[in-house]
Amino acid sequence: MLQVLLADRFKLNFHHEMKQLPAYALVLGKNGAKMKARTPGDGGPGFRLVFQGARLPGRNASIGQLAFVLQAQVLDRPVLDKTGLTGNFDFDLS
């Protein structure tokens, strides 16, 4: 709606094109996932995903949340989740 309004009122033209940009992709290794999957009612700690120096302990966190935190706080380009893993996990990254 905004584009239509701008085109009508200010006679702006828009051009859309696909462009490849560098990105990081989280993928599974050849041996598969080694993270501990969380199950409902397991009594483990709640969600936590905060850097502690060079460590990133994740508790009850999804891979999508991990990708978001890596992109927002560490890396200089988008981080994509290509693992296909669903659910939440406990993990420790160093």
PDB file of N, CA and C in Angstrom:
ATOM      1  N   MET A   1       0.815  -1.189   0.000  1.00  0.00           N
ATOM      2  CA  MET A   1       0.000   0.000   0.000  1.00  0.00           C
ATOM      3  C   MET A   1       0.866   1.263   0.000  1.00  0.00           C
ATOM      4  N   LEU A   2       1.958   1.233   0.730  1.00  0.00           N
ATOM      5  CA  LEU A   2       2.825   2.402   0.799  1.00  0.00           C
ATOM      6  C   LEU A   2       3.462   2.704  -0.554  1.00  0.00           C
ATOM      7  N   GLN A   3       3.893   1.647  -1.262  1.00  0.00           N
ATOM      8  CA  GLN A   3       4.488   1.861  -2.572  1.00  0.00           C
ATOM      9  C   GLN A   3       3.482   2.466  -3.548  1.00  0.00           C
ATOM     10  N   VAL A   4       2.248   1.989  -3.500  1.00  0.00           N
ATOM     11  CA  VAL A   4       1.203   2.532  -4.375  1.00  0.00           C
ATOM     12  C   VAL A   4       0.962   4.000  -4.046  1.00  0.00           C
ATOM     13  N   LEU A   5       0.913   4.330  -2.766  1.00  0.00           N
ATOM     14  CA  LEU A   5       0.711   5.713  -2.345  1.00  0.00           C
ATOM     15  C   LEU A   5       1.855   6.614  -2.826  1.00  0.00           C
ATOM     16  N   LEU A   6       3.093   6.175  -2.632  1.00  0.00           N
ATOM     17  CA  LEU A   6       4.238   6.969  -3.070  1.00  0.00           C
ATOM     18  C   LEU A   6       4.282   7.122  -4.590  1.00  0.00           C
ATOM     19  N   ALA A   7       3.946   6.062  -5.307  1.00  0.00           N
ATOM     20  CA  ALA A   7       3.928   6.141  -6.766  1.00  0.00           C
ATOM     21  C   ALA A   7       2.847   7.084  -7.248  1.00  0.00           C
ATOM     22  N   ASP A   8       1.694   7.056  -6.616  1.00  0.00           N
ATOM     23  CA  ASP A   8       0.577   7.898  -7.025  1.00  0.00           C
ATOM     24  C   ASP A   8       0.818   9.365  -6.663  1.00  0.00           C
ATOM     25  N   ARG A   9       1.218   9.615  -5.431  1.00  0.00           N
ATOM     26  CA  ARG A   9       1.343  10.979  -4.950  1.00  0.00           C
ATOM     27  C   ARG A   9       2.613  11.676  -5.438  1.00  0.00           C
ATOM     28  N   PHE A  10       3.750  10.980  -5.421  1.00  0.00           N
ATOM     29  CA  PHE A  10       5.026  11.603  -5.756  1.00  0.00           C
ATOM     30  C   PHE A  10       5.606  11.121  -7.085  1.00  0.00           C
ATOM     31  N   LYS A  11       4.875  10.280  -7.794  1.00  0.00           N
ATOM     32  CA  LYS A  11       5.300   9.747  -9.098  1.00  0.00           C
ATOM     33  C   LYS A  11       6.629   8.998  -9.008  1.00  0.00           C
ATOM     34  N   LEU A  12       6.813   8.276  -7.904  1.00  0.00           N
ATOM     35  CA  LEU A  12       8.025   7.474  -7.730  1.00  0.00           C
ATOM     36  C   LEU A  12       7.880   6.158  -8.478  1.00  0.00           C
ATOM     37  N   ASN A  13       8.975   5.671  -9.022  1.00  0.00           N
ATOM     38  CA  ASN A  13       9.004   4.372  -9.676  1.00  0.00           C
ATOM     39  C   ASN A  13       9.874   3.436  -8.855  1.00  0.00           C
ATOM     40  N   PHE A  14       9.507   2.169  -8.837  1.00  0.00           N
ATOM     41  CA  PHE A  14      10.246   1.169  -8.081  1.00  0.00           C
ATOM     42  C   PHE A  14      10.784   0.119  -9.025  1.00  0.00           C
ATOM     43  N   HIS A  15      11.949  -0.394  -8.690  1.00  0.00           N
ATOM     44  CA  HIS A  15      12.577  -1.452  -9.469  1.00  0.00           C
ATOM     45  C   HIS A  15      13.007  -2.546  -8.491  1.00  0.00           C
ATOM     46  N   HIS A  16      12.541  -3.772  -8.718  1.00  0.00           N
ATOM     47  CA  HIS A  16      12.890  -4.897  -7.852  1.00  0.00           C
ATOM     48  C   HIS A  16      13.827  -5.831  -8.606  1.00  0.00           C
ATOM     49  N   GLU A  17      14.868  -6.281  -7.935  1.00  0.00           N
ATOM     50  CA  GLU A  17      15.772  -7.251  -8.541  1.00  0.00           C
ATOM     51  C   GLU A  17      16.331  -8.161  -7.455  1.00  0.00           C
ATOM     52  N   MET A  18      16.674  -9.363  -7.858  1.00  0.00           N
ATOM     53  CA  MET A  18      17.280 -10.321  -6.948  1.00  0.00           C
ATOM     54  C   MET A  18      18.794 -10.110  -6.980  1.00  0.00           C
ATOM     55  N   LYS A  19      19.404 -10.167  -5.807  1.00  0.00           N
ATOM     56  CA  LYS A  19      20.841  -9.951  -5.707  1.00  0.00           C
ATOM     57  C   LYS A  19      21.408 -10.943  -4.711  1.00  0.00           C
ATOM     58  N   GLN A  20      22.492 -11.591  -5.075  1.00  0.00           N
ATOM     59  CA  GLN A  20      23.124 -12.521  -4.160  1.00  0.00           C
ATOM     60  C   GLN A  20      24.077 -11.757  -3.246  1.00  0.00           C
ATOM     61  N   LEU A  21      23.942 -12.024  -1.957  1.00  0.00           N
ATOM     62  CA  LEU A  21      24.787 -11.390  -0.953  1.00  0.00           C
ATOM     63  C   LEU A  21      25.473 -12.471  -0.136  1.00  0.00           C
ATOM     64  N   PRO A  22      26.650 -12.182   0.434  1.00  0.00           N
ATOM     65  CA  PRO A  22      27.319 -13.181   1.275  1.00  0.00           C
ATOM     66  C   PRO A  22      26.538 -13.408   2.565  1.00  0.00           C
ATOM     67  N   ALA A  23      26.514 -14.663   2.997  1.00  0.00           N
ATOM     68  CA  ALA A  23      25.805 -15.023   4.227  1.00  0.00           C
ATOM     69  C   ALA A  23      26.466 -16.259   4.824  1.00  0.00           C
ATOM     70  N   TYR A  24      26.187 -16.503   6.087  1.00  0.00           N
ATOM     71  CA  TYR A  24      26.607 -17.726   6.758  1.00  0.00           C
ATOM     72  C   TYR A  24      25.397 -18.638   6.863  1.00  0.00           C
ATOM     73  N   ALA A  25      25.619 -19.948   6.746  1.00  0.00           N
ATOM     74  CA  ALA A  25      24.533 -20.910   6.871  1.00  0.00           C
ATOM     75  C   ALA A  25      24.894 -21.929   7.949  1.00  0.00           C
ATOM     76  N   LEU A  26      23.981 -22.149   8.873  1.00  0.00           N
ATOM     77  CA  LEU A  26      24.141 -23.204   9.865  1.00  0.00           C
ATOM     78  C   LEU A  26      23.625 -24.489   9.230  1.00  0.00           C
ATOM     79  N   VAL A  27      24.476 -25.488   9.113  1.00  0.00           N
ATOM     80  CA  VAL A  27      24.108 -26.764   8.504  1.00  0.00           C
ATOM     81  C   VAL A  27      24.535 -27.906   9.423  1.00  0.00           C
ATOM     82  N   LEU A  28      23.956 -29.078   9.211  1.00  0.00           N
ATOM     83  CA  LEU A  28      24.337 -30.251   9.989  1.00  0.00           C
ATOM     84  C   LEU A  28      25.634 -30.835   9.444  1.00  0.00           C
ATOM     85  N   GLY A  29      26.479 -31.335  10.336  1.00  0.00           N
ATOM     86  CA  GLY A  29      27.686 -32.031   9.923  1.00  0.00           C
ATOM     87  C   GLY A  29      27.336 -33.416   9.410  1.00  0.00           C
ATOM     88  N   LYS A  30      28.318 -34.126   8.890  1.00  0.00           N
ATOM     89  CA  LYS A  30      28.039 -35.439   8.307  1.00  0.00           C
ATOM     90  C   LYS A  30      27.601 -36.465   9.342  1.00  0.00           C
ATOM     91  N   ASN A  31      27.906 -36.245  10.617  1.00  0.00           N
ATOM     92  CA  ASN A  31      27.473 -37.161  11.673  1.00  0.00           C
ATOM     93  C   ASN A  31      26.165 -36.744  12.330  1.00  0.00           C
ATOM     94  N   GLY A  32      25.548 -35.681  11.841  1.00  0.00           N
ATOM     95  CA  GLY A  32      24.266 -35.235  12.395  1.00  0.00           C
ATOM     96  C   GLY A  32      24.433 -34.354  13.618  1.00  0.00           C
ATOM     97  N   ALA A  33      23.303 -34.024  14.235  1.00  0.00           N
ATOM     98  CA  ALA A  33      23.294 -33.139  15.398  1.00  0.00           C
ATOM     99  C   ALA A  33      23.755 -33.882  16.645  1.00  0.00           C
ATOM    100  N   LYS A  34      24.533 -33.198  17.473  1.00  0.00           N
ATOM    101  CA  LYS A  34      24.996 -33.781  18.725  1.00  0.00           C
ATOM    102  C   LYS A  34      24.487 -32.996  19.930  1.00  0.00           C
ATOM    103  N   MET A  35      23.523 -32.127  19.694  1.00  0.00           N
ATOM    104  CA  MET A  35      22.980 -31.315  20.778  1.00  0.00           C
ATOM    105  C   MET A  35      21.895 -32.087  21.515  1.00  0.00           C
ATOM    106  N   LYS A  36      21.742 -31.772  22.776  1.00  0.00           N
ATOM    107  CA  LYS A  36      20.735 -32.424  23.610  1.00  0.00           C
ATOM    108  C   LYS A  36      19.390 -31.743  23.389  1.00  0.00           C
ATOM    109  N   ALA A  37      18.433 -32.497  22.875  1.00  0.00           N
ATOM    110  CA  ALA A  37      17.102 -31.954  22.620  1.00  0.00           C
ATOM    111  C   ALA A  37      16.324 -31.818  23.916  1.00  0.00           C
ATOM    112  N   ARG A  38      15.556 -30.747  24.027  1.00  0.00           N
ATOM    113  CA  ARG A  38      14.710 -30.533  25.202  1.00  0.00           C
ATOM    114  C   ARG A  38      13.358 -31.192  24.973  1.00  0.00           C
ATOM    115  N   THR A  39      12.799 -31.705  26.037  1.00  0.00           N
ATOM    116  CA  THR A  39      11.462 -32.288  25.970  1.00  0.00           C
ATOM    117  C   THR A  39      10.566 -31.541  26.942  1.00  0.00           C
ATOM    118  N   PRO A  40       9.289 -31.421  26.619  1.00  0.00           N
ATOM    119  CA  PRO A  40       8.377 -30.729  27.535  1.00  0.00           C
ATOM    120  C   PRO A  40       8.349 -31.408  28.908  1.00  0.00           C
ATOM    121  N   GLY A  41       8.428 -30.603  29.938  1.00  0.00           N
ATOM    122  CA  GLY A  41       8.343 -31.117  31.295  1.00  0.00           C
ATOM    123  C   GLY A  41       9.601 -31.805  31.797  1.00  0.00           C
ATOM    124  N   ASP A  42      10.760 -31.563  31.168  1.00  0.00           N
ATOM    125  CA  ASP A  42      11.981 -32.207  31.631  1.00  0.00           C
ATOM    126  C   ASP A  42      12.583 -31.534  32.860  1.00  0.00           C
ATOM    127  N   GLY A  43      12.041 -30.384  33.243  1.00  0.00           N
ATOM    128  CA  GLY A  43      12.488 -29.713  34.452  1.00  0.00           C
ATOM    129  C   GLY A  43      13.807 -28.985  34.305  1.00  0.00           C
ATOM    130  N   GLY A  44      14.297 -28.833  33.087  1.00  0.00           N
ATOM    131  CA  GLY A  44      15.553 -28.130  32.859  1.00  0.00           C
ATOM    132  C   GLY A  44      15.376 -26.628  32.989  1.00  0.00           C
ATOM    133  N   PRO A  45      16.487 -25.889  32.875  1.00  0.00           N
ATOM    134  CA  PRO A  45      16.407 -24.432  32.997  1.00  0.00           C
ATOM    135  C   PRO A  45      15.605 -23.825  31.852  1.00  0.00           C
ATOM    136  N   GLY A  46      15.096 -22.624  32.072  1.00  0.00           N
ATOM    137  CA  GLY A  46      14.343 -21.913  31.057  1.00  0.00           C
ATOM    138  C   GLY A  46      15.256 -21.358  29.982  1.00  0.00           C
ATOM    139  N   PHE A  47      14.668 -20.622  29.051  1.00  0.00           N
ATOM    140  CA  PHE A  47      15.414 -20.071  27.927  1.00  0.00           C
ATOM    141  C   PHE A  47      16.556 -19.188  28.405  1.00  0.00           C
ATOM    142  N   ARG A  48      17.734 -19.423  27.812  1.00  0.00           N
ATOM    143  CA  ARG A  48      18.894 -18.582  28.092  1.00  0.00           C
ATOM    144  C   ARG A  48      19.839 -18.684  26.908  1.00  0.00           C
ATOM    145  N   LEU A  49      20.269 -17.531  26.408  1.00  0.00           N
ATOM    146  CA  LEU A  49      21.185 -17.480  25.283  1.00  0.00           C
ATOM    147  C   LEU A  49      21.960 -16.169  25.373  1.00  0.00           C
ATOM    148  N   VAL A  50      22.962 -16.135  26.275  1.00  0.00           N
ATOM    149  CA  VAL A  50      23.724 -14.916  26.549  1.00  0.00           C
ATOM    150  C   VAL A  50      25.211 -15.238  26.500  1.00  0.00           C
ATOM    151  N   PHE A  51      25.970 -14.389  25.818  1.00  0.00           N
ATOM    152  CA  PHE A  51      27.415 -14.589  25.731  1.00  0.00           C
ATOM    153  C   PHE A  51      28.053 -14.433  27.095  1.00  0.00           C
ATOM    154  N   GLN A  52      29.033 -15.302  27.365  1.00  0.00           N
ATOM    155  CA  GLN A  52      29.867 -15.226  28.559  1.00  0.00           C
ATOM    156  C   GLN A  52      31.314 -15.236  28.080  1.00  0.00           C
ATOM    157  N   GLY A  53      31.821 -14.074  27.720  1.00  0.00           N
ATOM    158  CA  GLY A  53      33.146 -13.987  27.120  1.00  0.00           C
ATOM    159  C   GLY A  53      33.123 -14.612  25.735  1.00  0.00           C
ATOM    160  N   ALA A  54      33.975 -15.625  25.513  1.00  0.00           N
ATOM    161  CA  ALA A  54      34.019 -16.310  24.222  1.00  0.00           C
ATOM    162  C   ALA A  54      33.108 -17.529  24.194  1.00  0.00           C
ATOM    163  N   ARG A  55      32.330 -17.748  25.217  1.00  0.00           N
ATOM    164  CA  ARG A  55      31.402 -18.882  25.294  1.00  0.00           C
ATOM    165  C   ARG A  55      29.981 -18.410  25.075  1.00  0.00           C
ATOM    166  N   LEU A  56      29.183 -19.294  24.486  1.00  0.00           N
ATOM    167  CA  LEU A  56      27.761 -19.026  24.314  1.00  0.00           C
ATOM    168  C   LEU A  56      26.975 -20.249  24.759  1.00  0.00           C
ATOM    169  N   PRO A  57      26.612 -20.304  26.048  1.00  0.00           N
ATOM    170  CA  PRO A  57      25.776 -21.412  26.491  1.00  0.00           C
ATOM    171  C   PRO A  57      24.320 -21.142  26.115  1.00  0.00           C
ATOM    172  N   GLY A  58      23.706 -22.126  25.516  1.00  0.00           N
ATOM    173  CA  GLY A  58      22.297 -22.016  25.148  1.00  0.00           C
ATOM    174  C   GLY A  58      21.478 -23.022  25.921  1.00  0.00           C
ATOM    175  N   ARG A  59      20.418 -22.577  26.521  1.00  0.00           N
ATOM    176  CA  ARG A  59      19.519 -23.457  27.266  1.00  0.00           C
ATOM    177  C   ARG A  59      18.109 -23.236  26.754  1.00  0.00           C
ATOM    178  N   ASN A  60      17.476 -24.332  26.341  1.00  0.00           N
ATOM    179  CA  ASN A  60      16.098 -24.303  25.854  1.00  0.00           C
ATOM    180  C   ASN A  60      15.957 -23.301  24.697  1.00  0.00           C
ATOM    181  N   ALA A  61      16.929 -23.299  23.774  1.00  0.00           N
ATOM    182  CA  ALA A  61      16.949 -22.351  22.665  1.00  0.00           C
ATOM    183  C   ALA A  61      16.816 -23.092  21.336  1.00  0.00           C
ATOM    184  N   SER A  62      16.145 -22.469  20.388  1.00  0.00           N
ATOM    185  CA  SER A  62      16.008 -23.050  19.057  1.00  0.00           C
ATOM    186  C   SER A  62      17.196 -22.637  18.192  1.00  0.00           C
ATOM    187  N   ILE A  63      17.373 -23.318  17.080  1.00  0.00           N
ATOM    188  CA  ILE A  63      18.450 -22.985  16.161  1.00  0.00           C
ATOM    189  C   ILE A  63      18.191 -21.625  15.519  1.00  0.00           C
ATOM    190  N   GLY A  64      16.938 -21.283  15.293  1.00  0.00           N
ATOM    191  CA  GLY A  64      16.597 -19.964  14.772  1.00  0.00           C
ATOM    192  C   GLY A  64      17.009 -18.855  15.720  1.00  0.00           C
ATOM    193  N   GLN A  65      16.809 -19.074  17.012  1.00  0.00           N
ATOM    194  CA  GLN A  65      17.233 -18.081  18.006  1.00  0.00           C
ATOM    195  C   GLN A  65      18.752 -17.965  18.031  1.00  0.00           C
ATOM    196  N   LEU A  66      19.452 -19.087  17.900  1.00  0.00           N
ATOM    197  CA  LEU A  66      20.915 -19.067  17.841  1.00  0.00           C
ATOM    198  C   LEU A  66      21.388 -18.259  16.633  1.00  0.00           C
ATOM    199  N   ALA A  67      20.790 -18.485  15.477  1.00  0.00           N
ATOM    200  CA  ALA A  67      21.165 -17.750  14.265  1.00  0.00           C
ATOM    201  C   ALA A  67      20.935 -16.256  14.450  1.00  0.00           C
ATOM    202  N   PHE A  68      19.822 -15.890  15.071  1.00  0.00           N
ATOM    203  CA  PHE A  68      19.518 -14.475  15.299  1.00  0.00           C
ATOM    204  C   PHE A  68      20.564 -13.822  16.199  1.00  0.00           C
ATOM    205  N   VAL A  69      20.935 -14.492  17.291  1.00  0.00           N
ATOM    206  CA  VAL A  69      21.914 -13.931  18.227  1.00  0.00           C
ATOM    207  C   VAL A  69      23.286 -13.817  17.564  1.00  0.00           C
ATOM    208  N   LEU A  70      23.686 -14.829  16.800  1.00  0.00           N
ATOM    209  CA  LEU A  70      24.979 -14.763  16.116  1.00  0.00           C
ATOM    210  C   LEU A  70      25.016 -13.607  15.123  1.00  0.00           C
ATOM    211  N   GLN A  71      23.936 -13.429  14.370  1.00  0.00           N
ATOM    212  CA  GLN A  71      23.896 -12.347  13.395  1.00  0.00           C
ATOM    213  C   GLN A  71      23.888 -10.986  14.075  1.00  0.00           C
ATOM    214  N   ALA A  72      23.126 -10.836  15.125  1.00  0.00           N
ATOM    215  CA  ALA A  72      22.959  -9.539  15.775  1.00  0.00           C
ATOM    216  C   ALA A  72      24.192  -9.110  16.561  1.00  0.00           C
ATOM    217  N   GLN A  73      24.915 -10.048  17.178  1.00  0.00           N
ATOM    218  CA  GLN A  73      25.963  -9.653  18.105  1.00  0.00           C
ATOM    219  C   GLN A  73      27.375  -9.979  17.663  1.00  0.00           C
ATOM    220  N   VAL A  74      27.550 -10.853  16.675  1.00  0.00           N
ATOM    221  CA  VAL A  74      28.903 -11.294  16.364  1.00  0.00           C
ATOM    222  C   VAL A  74      29.267 -11.098  14.898  1.00  0.00           C
ATOM    223  N   LEU A  75      28.444 -11.594  14.019  1.00  0.00           N
ATOM    224  CA  LEU A  75      28.842 -11.696  12.624  1.00  0.00           C
ATOM    225  C   LEU A  75      28.408 -10.493  11.802  1.00  0.00           C
ATOM    226  N   ASP A  76      29.095 -10.310  10.692  1.00  0.00           N
ATOM    227  CA  ASP A  76      28.899  -9.128   9.867  1.00  0.00           C
ATOM    228  C   ASP A  76      27.951  -9.344   8.690  1.00  0.00           C
ATOM    229  N   ARG A  77      27.282 -10.481   8.648  1.00  0.00           N
ATOM    230  CA  ARG A  77      26.356 -10.772   7.554  1.00  0.00           C
ATOM    231  C   ARG A  77      25.249 -11.692   8.058  1.00  0.00           C
ATOM    232  N   PRO A  78      24.209 -11.897   7.270  1.00  0.00           N
ATOM    233  CA  PRO A  78      23.088 -12.729   7.728  1.00  0.00           C
ATOM    234  C   PRO A  78      23.518 -14.155   8.053  1.00  0.00           C
ATOM    235  N   VAL A  79      22.842 -14.758   9.032  1.00  0.00           N
ATOM    236  CA  VAL A  79      23.063 -16.149   9.414  1.00  0.00           C
ATOM    237  C   VAL A  79      21.761 -16.886   9.151  1.00  0.00           C
ATOM    238  N   LEU A  80      21.819 -17.927   8.316  1.00  0.00           N
ATOM    239  CA  LEU A  80      20.639 -18.687   7.923  1.00  0.00           C
ATOM    240  C   LEU A  80      20.627 -20.044   8.604  1.00  0.00           C
ATOM    241  N   ASP A  81      19.456 -20.485   9.014  1.00  0.00           N
ATOM    242  CA  ASP A  81      19.294 -21.807   9.617  1.00  0.00           C
ATOM    243  C   ASP A  81      18.927 -22.793   8.518  1.00  0.00           C
ATOM    244  N   LYS A  82      19.877 -23.602   8.094  1.00  0.00           N
ATOM    245  CA  LYS A  82      19.655 -24.620   7.072  1.00  0.00           C
ATOM    246  C   LYS A  82      19.749 -26.026   7.663  1.00  0.00           C
ATOM    247  N   THR A  83      19.601 -26.140   8.986  1.00  0.00           N
ATOM    248  CA  THR A  83      19.749 -27.437   9.642  1.00  0.00           C
ATOM    249  C   THR A  83      18.517 -28.314   9.491  1.00  0.00           C
ATOM    250  N   GLY A  84      17.344 -27.705   9.431  1.00  0.00           N
ATOM    251  CA  GLY A  84      16.115 -28.480   9.400  1.00  0.00           C
ATOM    252  C   GLY A  84      15.708 -28.993  10.770  1.00  0.00           C
ATOM    253  N   LEU A  85      16.442 -28.614  11.811  1.00  0.00           N
ATOM    254  CA  LEU A  85      16.120 -29.058  13.173  1.00  0.00           C
ATOM    255  C   LEU A  85      14.977 -28.221  13.739  1.00  0.00           C
ATOM    256  N   THR A  86      14.066 -28.886  14.402  1.00  0.00           N
ATOM    257  CA  THR A  86      12.973 -28.185  15.073  1.00  0.00           C
ATOM    258  C   THR A  86      13.056 -28.475  16.555  1.00  0.00           C
ATOM    259  N   GLY A  87      12.433 -27.654  17.337  1.00  0.00           N
ATOM    260  CA  GLY A  87      12.453 -27.828  18.780  1.00  0.00           C
ATOM    261  C   GLY A  87      13.549 -27.001  19.421  1.00  0.00           C
ATOM    262  N   ASN A  88      13.704 -27.190  20.706  1.00  0.00           N
ATOM    263  CA  ASN A  88      14.695 -26.452  21.480  1.00  0.00           C
ATOM    264  C   ASN A  88      15.781 -27.397  21.972  1.00  0.00           C
ATOM    265  N   PHE A  89      16.966 -26.823  22.217  1.00  0.00           N
ATOM    266  CA  PHE A  89      18.130 -27.621  22.566  1.00  0.00           C
ATOM    267  C   PHE A  89      18.928 -26.956  23.678  1.00  0.00           C
ATOM    268  N   ASP A  90      19.781 -27.756  24.319  1.00  0.00           N
ATOM    269  CA  ASP A  90      20.798 -27.264  25.236  1.00  0.00           C
ATOM    270  C   ASP A  90      22.143 -27.458  24.542  1.00  0.00           C
ATOM    271  N   PHE A  91      22.974 -26.419  24.524  1.00  0.00           N
ATOM    272  CA  PHE A  91      24.268 -26.516  23.862  1.00  0.00           C
ATOM    273  C   PHE A  91      25.234 -25.521  24.477  1.00  0.00           C
ATOM    274  N   ASP A  92      26.526 -25.742  24.248  1.00  0.00           N
ATOM    275  CA  ASP A  92      27.591 -24.843  24.681  1.00  0.00           C
ATOM    276  C   ASP A  92      28.526 -24.612  23.503  1.00  0.00           C
ATOM    277  N   LEU A  93      28.611 -23.381  23.045  1.00  0.00           N
ATOM    278  CA  LEU A  93      29.536 -23.006  21.969  1.00  0.00           C
ATOM    279  C   LEU A  93      30.729 -22.286  22.565  1.00  0.00           C
ATOM    280  N   SER A  94      31.901 -22.582  22.033  1.00  0.00           N
ATOM    281  CA  SER A  94      33.122 -21.896  22.470  1.00  0.00           C
ATOM    282  C   SER A  94      33.770 -21.251  21.268  1.00  0.00           C
TER     283      SER A  94
END
